[in-house]
Amino acid sequence: MNADTLISKIKAHPAYDKVGMILCHNGVVRGTSRDGRQVTGLRVAVDRQQLRQVLAEHRSRPGIVDVQVEIAADADLAVGDDVMMLVVAGDIRENVIDTLTDTLNAIKTTVTAKTEFFA
């Protein structure tokens, strides 16, 4: 998983001349769950069809040129491993920040399901 690879895809987009900002999110496996329990690892399942729908919806937002994502699906991940890389490119800060936030939330709530492993 590499942000540079996703950014390169965005830079190859035919409308890249409209980009004024690229914003990246790199989600990693935390050592504790939200409720404070010690985590030893994580596994993520991805609904690929729902992911395509979320990306299509968010790519069509005003000012957005492209949205790229990579998710470490169906693999046993350890604490510190990359879970998801999300990159959003668009015209102005407000559009890009809002789209990154909304895309991330949509992926986390409708696309992925995680299983945490505990000590």
Protein backbone atom coordinates (compact mmCIF):
# COMPACT_ATOMS: atom_id res chain seq x y z
CA MET A 1 0.00 0.00 0.00
CA ASN A 2 1.59 3.21 -1.16
CA ALA A 3 0.21 6.76 -1.30
CA ASP A 4 2.66 7.64 -4.06
CA THR A 5 1.09 4.99 -6.31
CA LEU A 6 -2.41 6.37 -5.74
CA ILE A 7 -1.21 9.95 -6.23
CA SER A 8 0.45 8.91 -9.51
CA LYS A 9 -2.91 7.58 -10.73
CA ILE A 10 -4.48 10.93 -9.87
CA LYS A 11 -1.71 12.86 -11.63
CA ALA A 12 -2.41 10.82 -14.78
CA HIS A 13 -6.09 11.85 -14.72
CA PRO A 14 -7.01 13.95 -17.80
CA ALA A 15 -8.50 16.68 -15.60
CA TYR A 16 -5.48 16.92 -13.30
CA ASP A 17 -4.99 20.58 -14.30
CA LYS A 18 -8.08 21.37 -12.16
CA VAL A 19 -6.47 19.97 -8.99
CA GLY A 20 -5.49 22.45 -6.31
CA MET A 21 -5.20 19.98 -3.44
CA ILE A 22 -4.52 16.30 -2.82
CA LEU A 23 -5.38 14.94 0.60
CA CYS A 24 -4.42 11.50 1.94
CA HIS A 25 -5.68 9.30 4.76
CA ASN A 26 -3.56 6.35 5.91
CA GLY A 27 -5.45 4.13 8.35
CA VAL A 28 -3.34 1.73 10.42
CA VAL A 29 -4.07 -1.03 12.93
CA ARG A 30 -4.15 0.52 16.41
CA GLY A 31 -2.86 -1.36 19.44
CA THR A 32 -6.13 -0.78 21.30
CA SER A 33 -9.78 -1.01 20.38
CA ARG A 34 -12.13 1.95 20.77
CA ASP A 35 -13.18 0.53 24.12
CA GLY A 36 -9.57 0.28 25.33
CA ARG A 37 -8.90 -3.45 24.97
CA GLN A 38 -5.47 -4.52 23.69
CA VAL A 39 -5.60 -5.53 20.01
CA THR A 40 -3.14 -7.96 18.45
CA GLY A 41 -4.46 -7.71 14.90
CA LEU A 42 -7.29 -7.02 12.51
CA ARG A 43 -8.99 -8.50 9.45
CA VAL A 44 -11.11 -6.42 7.06
CA ALA A 45 -13.82 -7.65 4.70
CA VAL A 46 -14.81 -5.42 1.77
CA ASP A 47 -18.07 -5.23 -0.16
CA ARG A 48 -16.54 -4.46 -3.57
CA GLN A 49 -19.82 -3.51 -5.25
CA GLN A 50 -20.67 -1.05 -2.48
CA LEU A 51 -17.12 0.35 -2.70
CA ARG A 52 -17.60 1.02 -6.42
CA GLN A 53 -20.85 2.85 -5.66
CA VAL A 54 -19.30 4.96 -2.89
CA LEU A 55 -16.36 5.92 -5.11
CA ALA A 56 -18.60 6.79 -8.06
CA GLU A 57 -20.80 8.96 -5.83
CA HIS A 58 -17.90 10.85 -4.27
CA ARG A 59 -15.96 11.25 -7.53
CA SER A 60 -18.99 13.07 -8.95
CA ARG A 61 -19.08 15.72 -6.23
CA PRO A 62 -18.48 19.36 -7.20
CA GLY A 63 -14.81 20.21 -7.54
CA ILE A 64 -13.56 16.64 -7.14
CA VAL A 65 -11.26 15.31 -9.85
CA ASP A 66 -10.58 11.82 -8.48
CA VAL A 67 -10.79 9.56 -5.45
CA GLN A 68 -8.48 6.56 -5.12
CA VAL A 69 -8.52 3.93 -2.38
CA GLU A 70 -6.68 0.77 -1.47
CA ILE A 71 -7.87 -1.47 1.37
CA ALA A 72 -5.94 -4.41 2.82
CA ALA A 73 -8.86 -6.81 2.58
CA ASP A 74 -9.04 -10.44 3.63
CA ALA A 75 -5.60 -10.48 5.23
CA ASP A 76 -4.52 -10.88 8.82
CA LEU A 77 -3.00 -7.53 9.78
CA ALA A 78 -0.78 -6.80 12.77
CA VAL A 79 -0.62 -3.68 14.93
CA GLY A 80 0.98 -0.91 12.87
CA ASP A 81 0.06 -2.41 9.47
CA ASP A 82 -1.68 -0.24 6.89
CA VAL A 83 -5.41 -0.93 6.65
CA MET A 84 -6.53 1.67 4.14
CA MET A 85 -5.04 4.38 1.97
CA LEU A 86 -7.53 6.96 0.67
CA VAL A 87 -6.51 9.84 -1.60
CA VAL A 88 -8.83 12.64 -2.75
CA ALA A 89 -7.94 15.31 -5.31
CA GLY A 90 -9.95 18.37 -6.14
CA ASP A 91 -10.09 22.07 -6.73
CA ILE A 92 -10.29 23.76 -3.34
CA ARG A 93 -9.69 22.86 0.29
CA GLU A 94 -13.33 22.82 1.39
CA ASN A 95 -14.38 20.41 -1.37
CA VAL A 96 -11.43 18.08 -0.84
CA ILE A 97 -11.59 17.95 2.96
CA ASP A 98 -15.36 17.40 2.98
CA THR A 99 -15.11 14.68 0.33
CA LEU A 100 -12.28 12.88 2.12
CA THR A 101 -14.27 12.92 5.37
CA ASP A 102 -17.51 11.78 3.74
CA THR A 103 -15.82 9.09 1.62
CA LEU A 104 -13.93 7.73 4.63
CA ASN A 105 -17.10 7.62 6.73
CA ALA A 106 -19.07 5.92 3.93
CA ILE A 107 -16.36 3.29 3.45
CA LYS A 108 -16.14 2.61 7.18
CA THR A 109 -19.92 2.32 7.64
CA THR A 110 -21.16 0.71 4.39
CA VAL A 111 -18.18 -0.97 2.68
CA THR A 112 -15.94 -2.57 5.29
CA ALA A 113 -16.47 -4.90 8.21
CA LYS A 114 -13.58 -5.46 10.59
CA THR A 115 -12.74 -8.26 12.97
CA GLU A 116 -10.34 -7.31 15.74
CA PHE A 117 -8.14 -9.90 17.43
CA PHE A 118 -7.52 -9.45 21.14
CA ALA A 119 -4.71 -10.49 23.46
